[in-house]
C-alpha atoms as a PDB file:
ATOM      1  CA  MET A   1      10.322   5.819  16.326  1.00  0.00           C
ATOM      2  CA  GLY A   2      12.301   5.714  13.021  1.00  0.00           C
ATOM      3  CA  ASN A   3      11.857   7.697  10.011  1.00  0.00           C
ATOM      4  CA  ILE A   4      12.611   7.714   6.288  1.00  0.00           C
ATOM      5  CA  LEU A   5      13.247  10.658   3.868  1.00  0.00           C
ATOM      6  CA  GLY A   6      11.377  10.898   0.419  1.00  0.00           C
ATOM      7  CA  ILE A   7      12.614  13.503  -1.937  1.00  0.00           C
ATOM      8  CA  ASP A   8      11.322  14.544  -5.332  1.00  0.00           C
ATOM      9  CA  MET A   9      13.828  15.863  -7.705  1.00  0.00           C
ATOM     10  CA  GLY A  10      12.276  17.925 -10.394  1.00  0.00           C
ATOM     11  CA  GLY A  11      13.807  20.413 -13.173  1.00  0.00           C
ATOM     12  CA  THR A  12      12.800  23.464 -11.119  1.00  0.00           C
ATOM     13  CA  SER A  13      12.711  22.492  -7.644  1.00  0.00           C
ATOM     14  CA  ILE A  14      13.632  19.655  -5.279  1.00  0.00           C
ATOM     15  CA  VAL A  15      11.251  18.772  -2.613  1.00  0.00           C
ATOM     16  CA  GLY A  16      12.235  16.582   0.275  1.00  0.00           C
ATOM     17  CA  GLY A  17      10.521  15.372   3.464  1.00  0.00           C
ATOM     18  CA  ARG A  18      10.811  13.438   6.405  1.00  0.00           C
ATOM     19  CA  ILE A  19       8.259  10.717   6.788  1.00  0.00           C
ATOM     20  CA  GLU A  20       7.314   9.290  10.069  1.00  0.00           C
ATOM     21  CA  GLY A  21       4.455   6.587   9.849  1.00  0.00           C
ATOM     22  CA  GLU A  22       2.391   7.723   7.152  1.00  0.00           C
ATOM     23  CA  HIS A  23       2.823  11.559   7.910  1.00  0.00           C
ATOM     24  CA  ILE A  24       5.158  13.958   6.758  1.00  0.00           C
ATOM     25  CA  ALA A  25       6.817  15.657   9.580  1.00  0.00           C
ATOM     26  CA  GLY A  26       8.709  17.955   8.063  1.00  0.00           C
ATOM     27  CA  GLN A  27       9.408  19.357   4.289  1.00  0.00           C
ATOM     28  CA  ILE A  28      11.855  21.416   2.403  1.00  0.00           C
ATOM     29  CA  ILE A  29      11.304  22.935  -0.861  1.00  0.00           C
ATOM     30  CA  VAL A  30      15.022  24.139  -2.822  1.00  0.00           C
ATOM     31  CA  ASP A  31      15.863  25.235  -6.189  1.00  0.00           C
ATOM     32  CA  THR A  32      17.380  22.594  -8.147  1.00  0.00           C
ATOM     33  CA  CYS A  33      19.745  25.055 -10.012  1.00  0.00           C
ATOM     34  CA  ALA A  34      19.053  22.742 -13.117  1.00  0.00           C
ATOM     35  CA  ARG A  35      20.945  25.286 -15.581  1.00  0.00           C
ATOM     36  CA  GLU A  36      24.256  24.918 -13.288  1.00  0.00           C
ATOM     37  CA  GLY A  37      23.230  21.042 -12.879  1.00  0.00           C
ATOM     38  CA  GLY A  38      26.325  18.677 -12.157  1.00  0.00           C
ATOM     39  CA  GLU A  39      27.752  18.815  -8.633  1.00  0.00           C
ATOM     40  CA  LYS A  40      26.063  22.286  -7.927  1.00  0.00           C
ATOM     41  CA  THR A  41      22.644  20.428  -8.141  1.00  0.00           C
ATOM     42  CA  LEU A  42      24.340  17.293  -6.213  1.00  0.00           C
ATOM     43  CA  ASN A  43      25.517  19.540  -3.651  1.00  0.00           C
ATOM     44  CA  ILE A  44      22.093  21.190  -3.130  1.00  0.00           C
ATOM     45  CA  LEU A  45      20.518  17.532  -2.836  1.00  0.00           C
ATOM     46  CA  LYS A  46      23.044  16.671  -0.136  1.00  0.00           C
ATOM     47  CA  GLY A  47      22.539  19.762   1.791  1.00  0.00           C
ATOM     48  CA  LEU A  48      18.592  19.140   1.697  1.00  0.00           C
ATOM     49  CA  ILE A  49      19.231  15.800   3.009  1.00  0.00           C
ATOM     50  CA  ARG A  50      21.353  17.058   5.730  1.00  0.00           C
ATOM     51  CA  GLN A  51      18.637  19.322   7.034  1.00  0.00           C
ATOM     52  CA  LEU A  52      16.047  16.772   7.008  1.00  0.00           C
ATOM     53  CA  LYS A  53      18.213  13.697   8.439  1.00  0.00           C
ATOM     54  CA  THR A  54      17.810  12.702  12.037  1.00  0.00           C
ATOM     55  CA  THR A  55      19.829  10.338  14.040  1.00  0.00           C
ATOM     56  CA  ASP A  56      16.536   8.145  13.563  1.00  0.00           C
ATOM     57  CA  THR A  57      16.606   8.023   9.872  1.00  0.00           C
ATOM     58  CA  ARG A  58      16.641   4.512   8.223  1.00  0.00           C
ATOM     59  CA  ALA A  59      16.662   5.192   4.345  1.00  0.00           C
ATOM     60  CA  ILE A  60      16.544   7.644   1.938  1.00  0.00           C
ATOM     61  CA  GLY A  61      14.212   7.253  -1.427  1.00  0.00           C
ATOM     62  CA  ILE A  62      14.633   9.467  -4.291  1.00  0.00           C
ATOM     63  CA  GLY A  63      12.226   9.989  -7.282  1.00  0.00           C
ATOM     64  CA  VAL A  64      13.830  11.294 -10.705  1.00  0.00           C
ATOM     65  CA  PRO A  65      12.256  12.101 -13.895  1.00  0.00           C
ATOM     66  CA  SER A  66      14.528   9.675 -15.788  1.00  0.00           C
ATOM     67  CA  VAL A  67      15.745   6.271 -16.595  1.00  0.00           C
ATOM     68  CA  VAL A  68      17.437   4.601 -13.424  1.00  0.00           C
ATOM     69  CA  ASP A  69      19.712   1.810 -12.959  1.00  0.00           C
ATOM     70  CA  ARG A  70      17.520   0.483  -9.792  1.00  0.00           C
ATOM     71  CA  GLU A  71      20.114  -2.134  -8.750  1.00  0.00           C
ATOM     72  CA  LYS A  72      22.933   0.111  -8.988  1.00  0.00           C
ATOM     73  CA  GLY A  73      21.510   3.454  -8.164  1.00  0.00           C
ATOM     74  CA  ILE A  74      22.650   4.989 -11.563  1.00  0.00           C
ATOM     75  CA  VAL A  75      20.652   7.793 -13.011  1.00  0.00           C
ATOM     76  CA  TYR A  76      20.581   8.551 -17.021  1.00  0.00           C
ATOM     77  CA  ASN A  77      19.868  11.440 -18.891  1.00  0.00           C
ATOM     78  CA  VAL A  78      17.942  13.458 -16.772  1.00  0.00           C
ATOM     79  CA  GLN A  79      16.742  15.966 -19.573  1.00  0.00           C
ATOM     80  CA  ASN A  80      15.863  18.871 -17.327  1.00  0.00           C
ATOM     81  CA  ILE A  81      19.033  18.883 -15.351  1.00  0.00           C
ATOM     82  CA  ARG A  82      22.435  20.017 -17.144  1.00  0.00           C
ATOM     83  CA  ASN A  83      25.294  17.521 -16.962  1.00  0.00           C
ATOM     84  CA  TRP A  84      23.093  14.666 -15.338  1.00  0.00           C
ATOM     85  CA  ASP A  85      23.749  12.242 -18.038  1.00  0.00           C
ATOM     86  CA  GLU A  86      25.331   9.303 -15.785  1.00  0.00           C
ATOM     87  CA  VAL A  87      25.258  10.073 -11.851  1.00  0.00           C
ATOM     88  CA  TYR A  88      25.962   7.071  -9.512  1.00  0.00           C
ATOM     89  CA  LEU A  89      23.630   8.824  -7.220  1.00  0.00           C
ATOM     90  CA  LYS A  90      23.256   5.867  -4.993  1.00  0.00           C
ATOM     91  CA  SER A  91      26.771   5.023  -4.147  1.00  0.00           C
ATOM     92  CA  LEU A  92      27.543   9.015  -3.787  1.00  0.00           C
ATOM     93  CA  LEU A  93      24.809   9.327  -1.126  1.00  0.00           C
ATOM     94  CA  GLU A  94      25.269   6.087   0.599  1.00  0.00           C
ATOM     95  CA  ALA A  95      29.118   7.020   0.887  1.00  0.00           C
ATOM     96  CA  GLU A  96      28.200  10.393   2.353  1.00  0.00           C
ATOM     97  CA  PHE A  97      25.203   9.601   4.686  1.00  0.00           C
ATOM     98  CA  GLY A  98      25.940   5.837   5.647  1.00  0.00           C
ATOM     99  CA  LEU A  99      22.243   4.974   5.039  1.00  0.00           C
ATOM    100  CA  PRO A 100      20.267   2.551   2.350  1.00  0.00           C
ATOM    101  CA  VAL A 101      19.330   4.783  -0.755  1.00  0.00           C
ATOM    102  CA  TYR A 102      16.735   3.655  -3.055  1.00  0.00           C
ATOM    103  CA  ILE A 103      15.894   5.420  -6.567  1.00  0.00           C
ATOM    104  CA  ASP A 104      13.410   5.109  -9.161  1.00  0.00           C
ATOM    105  CA  ASN A 105      11.693   6.962 -11.731  1.00  0.00           C
ATOM    106  CA  ASP A 106       9.065   9.598 -10.532  1.00  0.00           C
ATOM    107  CA  ALA A 107       6.069   8.023 -12.050  1.00  0.00           C
ATOM    108  CA  ASN A 108       6.899   4.449 -10.592  1.00  0.00           C
ATOM    109  CA  CYS A 109       6.991   6.403  -7.132  1.00  0.00           C
ATOM    110  CA  PHE A 110       3.667   7.827  -7.787  1.00  0.00           C
ATOM    111  CA  ALA A 111       2.179   4.392  -8.306  1.00  0.00           C
ATOM    112  CA  TYR A 112       4.177   2.784  -5.504  1.00  0.00           C
ATOM    113  CA  GLY A 113       3.498   5.803  -3.079  1.00  0.00           C
ATOM    114  CA  GLU A 114      -0.509   5.310  -3.827  1.00  0.00           C
ATOM    115  CA  LYS A 115       0.217   1.320  -3.045  1.00  0.00           C
ATOM    116  CA  ILE A 116       1.894   2.267   0.294  1.00  0.00           C
ATOM    117  CA  PHE A 117       0.011   5.292   1.410  1.00  0.00           C
ATOM    118  CA  GLY A 118      -3.062   5.782  -0.805  1.00  0.00           C
ATOM    119  CA  LYS A 119      -5.948   4.107  -2.794  1.00  0.00           C
ATOM    120  CA  GLY A 120      -3.811   1.616  -4.172  1.00  0.00           C
ATOM    121  CA  LYS A 121      -3.772  -0.180  -0.649  1.00  0.00           C
ATOM    122  CA  ASN A 122      -6.835  -2.057  -2.068  1.00  0.00           C
ATOM    123  CA  PHE A 123      -5.463  -3.424  -5.137  1.00  0.00           C
ATOM    124  CA  GLU A 124      -2.818  -5.994  -6.035  1.00  0.00           C
ATOM    125  CA  ASN A 125      -2.668  -5.126  -9.623  1.00  0.00           C
ATOM    126  CA  PHE A 126      -3.076  -1.420 -10.842  1.00  0.00           C
ATOM    127  CA  VAL A 127      -1.576   1.066 -12.862  1.00  0.00           C
ATOM    128  CA  GLY A 128      -0.601   4.879 -11.733  1.00  0.00           C
ATOM    129  CA  ILE A 129      -0.876   7.781 -14.217  1.00  0.00           C
ATOM    130  CA  THR A 130       0.311  11.200 -13.711  1.00  0.00           C
ATOM    131  CA  LEU A 131      -1.469  13.625 -15.918  1.00  0.00           C
ATOM    132  CA  GLY A 132       0.603  16.932 -15.969  1.00  0.00           C
ATOM    133  CA  THR A 133       2.945  18.568 -18.493  1.00  0.00           C
ATOM    134  CA  GLY A 134       3.987  14.793 -19.455  1.00  0.00           C
ATOM    135  CA  VAL A 135       2.027  11.416 -18.997  1.00  0.00           C
ATOM    136  CA  GLY A 136       3.977   9.372 -17.027  1.00  0.00           C
ATOM    137  CA  GLY A 137       2.836   5.678 -15.748  1.00  0.00           C
ATOM    138  CA  GLY A 138       3.862   3.260 -13.101  1.00  0.00           C
ATOM    139  CA  ILE A 139       2.701  -0.292 -12.922  1.00  0.00           C
ATOM    140  CA  ILE A 140       2.015  -2.488  -9.867  1.00  0.00           C
ATOM    141  CA  GLN A 141       1.615  -6.125 -10.159  1.00  0.00           C
ATOM    142  CA  ASP A 142       1.363  -8.777  -7.321  1.00  0.00           C
ATOM    143  CA  ASN A 143       1.501  -5.679  -4.742  1.00  0.00           C
ATOM    144  CA  HIS A 144       4.999  -4.833  -6.045  1.00  0.00           C
ATOM    145  CA  LEU A 145       6.330  -2.484  -8.850  1.00  0.00           C
ATOM    146  CA  LEU A 146       7.060  -4.128 -11.881  1.00  0.00           C
ATOM    147  CA  PHE A 147      10.785  -4.795 -12.109  1.00  0.00           C
ATOM    148  CA  ASP A 148      11.628  -4.167 -15.742  1.00  0.00           C
ATOM    149  CA  SER A 149      14.957  -4.025 -17.101  1.00  0.00           C
ATOM    150  CA  ASN A 150      15.424  -0.030 -17.730  1.00  0.00           C
ATOM    151  CA  CYS A 151      12.886   1.513 -15.525  1.00  0.00           C
ATOM    152  CA  GLY A 152      10.884   2.234 -18.651  1.00  0.00           C
ATOM    153  CA  SER A 153       7.664   0.200 -18.474  1.00  0.00           C
ATOM    154  CA  GLY A 154       4.786   2.141 -18.304  1.00  0.00           C
ATOM    155  CA  GLU A 155       5.608   5.011 -20.518  1.00  0.00           C
ATOM    156  CA  PHE A 156       2.167   5.049 -22.329  1.00  0.00           C
ATOM    157  CA  GLY A 157       2.260   8.534 -23.312  1.00  0.00           C
ATOM    158  CA  GLU A 158       4.887   7.619 -25.821  1.00  0.00           C
ATOM    159  CA  ILE A 159       2.492   5.539 -27.763  1.00  0.00           C
ATOM    160  CA  PRO A 160       1.776   6.853 -31.442  1.00  0.00           C
ATOM    161  CA  TYR A 161      -1.770   8.262 -31.074  1.00  0.00           C
ATOM    162  CA  LEU A 162      -3.382  10.517 -34.439  1.00  0.00           C
ATOM    163  CA  ASP A 163      -0.755  12.466 -35.682  1.00  0.00           C
ATOM    164  CA  SER A 164       1.667  12.426 -32.706  1.00  0.00           C
ATOM    165  CA  ILE A 165       1.954  10.563 -29.396  1.00  0.00           C
ATOM    166  CA  LEU A 166      -0.784  10.013 -26.368  1.00  0.00           C
ATOM    167  CA  GLU A 167       1.111  12.729 -24.277  1.00  0.00           C
ATOM    168  CA  GLU A 168       0.378  15.459 -26.752  1.00  0.00           C
ATOM    169  CA  TYR A 169      -3.222  14.728 -26.135  1.00  0.00           C
ATOM    170  CA  CYS A 170      -3.491  13.556 -22.567  1.00  0.00           C
ATOM    171  CA  GLY A 171      -1.083  15.872 -21.110  1.00  0.00           C
ATOM    172  CA  SER A 172      -1.186  19.736 -20.576  1.00  0.00           C
ATOM    173  CA  ARG A 173       0.113  20.807 -24.216  1.00  0.00           C
ATOM    174  CA  PHE A 174      -3.473  19.385 -25.222  1.00  0.00           C
ATOM    175  CA  PHE A 175      -5.186  22.628 -23.809  1.00  0.00           C
ATOM    176  CA  THR A 176      -2.206  25.036 -24.424  1.00  0.00           C
ATOM    177  CA  ARG A 177      -2.186  23.984 -28.137  1.00  0.00           C
ATOM    178  CA  THR A 178      -5.827  23.866 -28.664  1.00  0.00           C
ATOM    179  CA  THR A 179      -6.678  27.177 -26.820  1.00  0.00           C
ATOM    180  CA  SER A 180      -3.230  28.795 -25.740  1.00  0.00           C
ATOM    181  CA  ARG A 181      -4.869  28.765 -22.133  1.00  0.00           C
ATOM    182  CA  SER A 182      -3.817  26.213 -19.308  1.00  0.00           C
ATOM    183  CA  GLY A 183      -5.965  23.264 -18.431  1.00  0.00           C
ATOM    184  CA  TYR A 184      -6.786  25.126 -14.963  1.00  0.00           C
ATOM    185  CA  GLU A 185      -7.962  28.295 -16.788  1.00  0.00           C
ATOM    186  CA  ILE A 186     -10.153  26.157 -18.740  1.00  0.00           C
ATOM    187  CA  ALA A 187     -11.505  24.259 -16.192  1.00  0.00           C
ATOM    188  CA  LEU A 188     -12.427  27.293 -14.219  1.00  0.00           C
ATOM    189  CA  LYS A 189     -14.481  28.586 -17.043  1.00  0.00           C
ATOM    190  CA  ALA A 190     -16.067  25.076 -17.564  1.00  0.00           C
ATOM    191  CA  ARG A 191     -17.283  25.139 -13.865  1.00  0.00           C
ATOM    192  CA  GLU A 192     -18.751  28.659 -14.507  1.00  0.00           C
ATOM    193  CA  GLY A 193     -20.819  26.994 -17.450  1.00  0.00           C
ATOM    194  CA  ASP A 194     -18.621  28.153 -20.510  1.00  0.00           C
ATOM    195  CA  ILE A 195     -19.876  25.656 -23.239  1.00  0.00           C
ATOM    196  CA  GLU A 196     -16.606  25.961 -25.234  1.00  0.00           C
ATOM    197  CA  SER A 197     -14.551  24.894 -22.069  1.00  0.00           C
ATOM    198  CA  ILE A 198     -16.972  22.347 -21.350  1.00  0.00           C
ATOM    199  CA  GLU A 199     -16.572  20.990 -24.852  1.00  0.00           C
ATOM    200  CA  ILE A 200     -12.813  21.150 -24.535  1.00  0.00           C
ATOM    201  CA  TYR A 201     -12.836  18.900 -21.522  1.00  0.00           C
ATOM    202  CA  ASN A 202     -15.286  16.494 -23.535  1.00  0.00           C
ATOM    203  CA  GLN A 203     -12.671  16.051 -26.369  1.00  0.00           C
ATOM    204  CA  TYR A 204      -9.984  15.687 -23.505  1.00  0.00           C
ATOM    205  CA  GLY A 205     -11.912  12.967 -22.082  1.00  0.00           C
ATOM    206  CA  LYS A 206     -12.283  11.264 -25.684  1.00  0.00           C
ATOM    207  CA  HIS A 207      -8.232  11.176 -25.669  1.00  0.00           C
ATOM    208  CA  ILE A 208      -8.084   9.764 -22.041  1.00  0.00           C
ATOM    209  CA  SER A 209     -10.288   6.843 -23.027  1.00  0.00           C
ATOM    210  CA  ALA A 210      -7.767   6.193 -25.774  1.00  0.00           C
ATOM    211  CA  LEU A 211      -5.043   6.034 -22.785  1.00  0.00           C
ATOM    212  CA  VAL A 212      -7.394   3.760 -20.939  1.00  0.00           C
ATOM    213  CA  LYS A 213      -8.131   1.519 -23.763  1.00  0.00           C
ATOM    214  CA  VAL A 214      -4.435   0.823 -24.176  1.00  0.00           C
ATOM    215  CA  ILE A 215      -3.891   0.074 -20.585  1.00  0.00           C
ATOM    216  CA  LEU A 216      -6.613  -2.488 -20.487  1.00  0.00           C
ATOM    217  CA  LEU A 217      -5.458  -4.033 -23.296  1.00  0.00           C
ATOM    218  CA  ILE A 218      -1.933  -4.424 -22.398  1.00  0.00           C
ATOM    219  CA  LEU A 219      -2.471  -4.795 -18.685  1.00  0.00           C
ATOM    220  CA  ASP A 220      -6.034  -5.174 -17.791  1.00  0.00           C
ATOM    221  CA  PRO A 221      -5.354  -3.977 -13.989  1.00  0.00           C
ATOM    222  CA  GLN A 222      -7.969  -3.950 -11.216  1.00  0.00           C
ATOM    223  CA  ALA A 223      -7.672  -0.117 -11.214  1.00  0.00           C
ATOM    224  CA  ILE A 224      -6.264   2.882 -12.735  1.00  0.00           C
ATOM    225  CA  ILE A 225      -5.541   5.688 -10.442  1.00  0.00           C
ATOM    226  CA  PHE A 226      -4.852   9.098 -11.901  1.00  0.00           C
ATOM    227  CA  GLY A 227      -2.642  11.864 -10.376  1.00  0.00           C
ATOM    228  CA  GLY A 228      -0.803  15.123 -11.346  1.00  0.00           C
ATOM    229  CA  SER A 229      -2.455  18.510 -11.930  1.00  0.00           C
ATOM    230  CA  ILE A 230      -4.916  17.844 -14.648  1.00  0.00           C
ATOM    231  CA  SER A 231      -6.410  14.606 -12.485  1.00  0.00           C
ATOM    232  CA  LYS A 232      -8.018  17.548 -10.264  1.00  0.00           C
ATOM    233  CA  SER A 233     -10.325  18.141 -13.206  1.00  0.00           C
ATOM    234  CA  PHE A 234     -11.609  14.529 -13.442  1.00  0.00           C
ATOM    235  CA  ASP A 235     -15.130  15.646 -13.181  1.00  0.00           C
ATOM    236  CA  LEU A 236     -15.016  17.562 -16.104  1.00  0.00           C
ATOM    237  CA  PHE A 237     -13.624  14.644 -18.603  1.00  0.00           C
ATOM    238  CA  LYS A 238     -15.051  11.549 -16.525  1.00  0.00           C
ATOM    239  CA  ASP A 239     -18.274  11.127 -18.472  1.00  0.00           C
ATOM    240  CA  SER A 240     -16.728  11.646 -21.737  1.00  0.00           C
ATOM    241  CA  MET A 241     -14.184   9.490 -20.913  1.00  0.00           C
ATOM    242  CA  TYR A 242     -16.551   6.668 -20.020  1.00  0.00           C
ATOM    243  CA  GLU A 243     -18.790   7.510 -23.167  1.00  0.00           C
ATOM    244  CA  ASN A 244     -15.753   7.024 -25.440  1.00  0.00           C
ATOM    245  CA  LEU A 245     -15.065   3.546 -23.684  1.00  0.00           C
ATOM    246  CA  LYS A 246     -18.524   1.986 -24.691  1.00  0.00           C
ATOM    247  CA  GLY A 247     -16.849   0.848 -28.011  1.00  0.00           C
ATOM    248  CA  PHE A 248     -14.246  -1.248 -26.129  1.00  0.00           C
ATOM    249  CA  PRO A 249     -14.058  -4.629 -27.460  1.00  0.00           C
ATOM    250  CA  TYR A 250     -14.074  -6.306 -23.846  1.00  0.00           C
ATOM    251  CA  PRO A 251     -16.873  -4.237 -22.277  1.00  0.00           C
ATOM    252  CA  LYS A 252     -16.565  -6.327 -18.843  1.00  0.00           C
ATOM    253  CA  SER A 253     -13.229  -5.020 -18.445  1.00  0.00           C
ATOM    254  CA  VAL A 254     -14.326  -1.621 -18.461  1.00  0.00           C
ATOM    255  CA  GLU A 255     -17.344  -2.614 -16.196  1.00  0.00           C
ATOM    256  CA  LYS A 256     -14.808  -4.200 -13.556  1.00  0.00           C
ATOM    257  CA  VAL A 257     -11.576  -1.708 -13.622  1.00  0.00           C
ATOM    258  CA  GLN A 258     -12.257   1.241 -11.177  1.00  0.00           C
ATOM    259  CA  ILE A 259     -10.761   4.470 -12.353  1.00  0.00           C
ATOM    260  CA  LEU A 260     -10.045   6.745  -9.405  1.00  0.00           C
ATOM    261  CA  THR A 261      -7.935   9.932  -8.811  1.00  0.00           C
ATOM    262  CA  SER A 262      -5.145  10.366  -6.138  1.00  0.00           C
ATOM    263  CA  ASP A 263      -6.214  12.281  -2.833  1.00  0.00           C
ATOM    264  CA  LEU A 264      -2.526  12.223  -1.542  1.00  0.00           C
ATOM    265  CA  HIS A 265      -0.997  15.635  -0.825  1.00  0.00           C
ATOM    266  CA  ASN A 266       2.720  15.715  -1.440  1.00  0.00           C
ATOM    267  CA  ILE A 267       2.637  12.362  -3.587  1.00  0.00           C
ATOM    268  CA  GLY A 268       6.160  13.172  -4.804  1.00  0.00           C
ATOM    269  CA  ILE A 269       7.442  12.862  -1.251  1.00  0.00           C
ATOM    270  CA  LEU A 270       5.387  10.006  -0.131  1.00  0.00           C
ATOM    271  CA  GLY A 271       6.253   7.918  -3.561  1.00  0.00           C
ATOM    272  CA  ALA A 272       9.834   8.469  -3.107  1.00  0.00           C
ATOM    273  CA  GLY A 273       9.661   7.474   0.495  1.00  0.00           C
ATOM    274  CA  ALA A 274       7.726   4.464  -0.359  1.00  0.00           C
ATOM    275  CA  LEU A 275      10.742   2.737  -2.029  1.00  0.00           C
ATOM    276  CA  CYS A 276      12.154   2.443   1.591  1.00  0.00           C
ATOM    277  CA  VAL A 277       9.186   0.391   2.667  1.00  0.00           C
END
């Protein structure tokens, strides 16, 4: 039985896995060596692929936190990896390994991973949103990733909001800026019944409702699926989110949209691998 490789490239680590069917049969984590970047990081990536690849490997999928020319497989302006401003990653890796290579933005990979392996199977049109340090988005329309010009659609976090942008209020910086504590620490206190921590998550839910309104107005999807570290605290901001959606001008859209959280483990690997499916 053939397998595919899914590789999630981050500024700190590269996580790769060999996917057989819908299961990850092998997984490796290596340091990105982002400060050195350039050839150093590229060689680390190649070494990881060599360890995962078997004679039955059919293709390689890679998710990167940057803009990508999907057709040519060129990665542009990876902010957290030095000297990765224009890397012809697809052609380099295909020449090295003789396998098809597919590359996309990591948020798009999350959305497509949900479509192929997760709760997105149930929807033709949905938006996948990662809530972590940043706020990333991927759009599935008619069962496929939205094919845009520069791999930049779904960047809802960059939309102006209050005195800044949505990402500042819907990502992890909301918590550190408000309390100098992480969202995880505040969640622990909230579950212990700490009133102040509960109120912080109520405020966060209000900001998330603004993000949801933008998505509904632009795309009106069947579902919104949240992933990322903050989504694990969905129970703490869900009620506030819905409370602040009551004033939405099209209440039927709020009534019909399903707002869910991902339950996939290793979604970075699965999402990248989904590009090969």
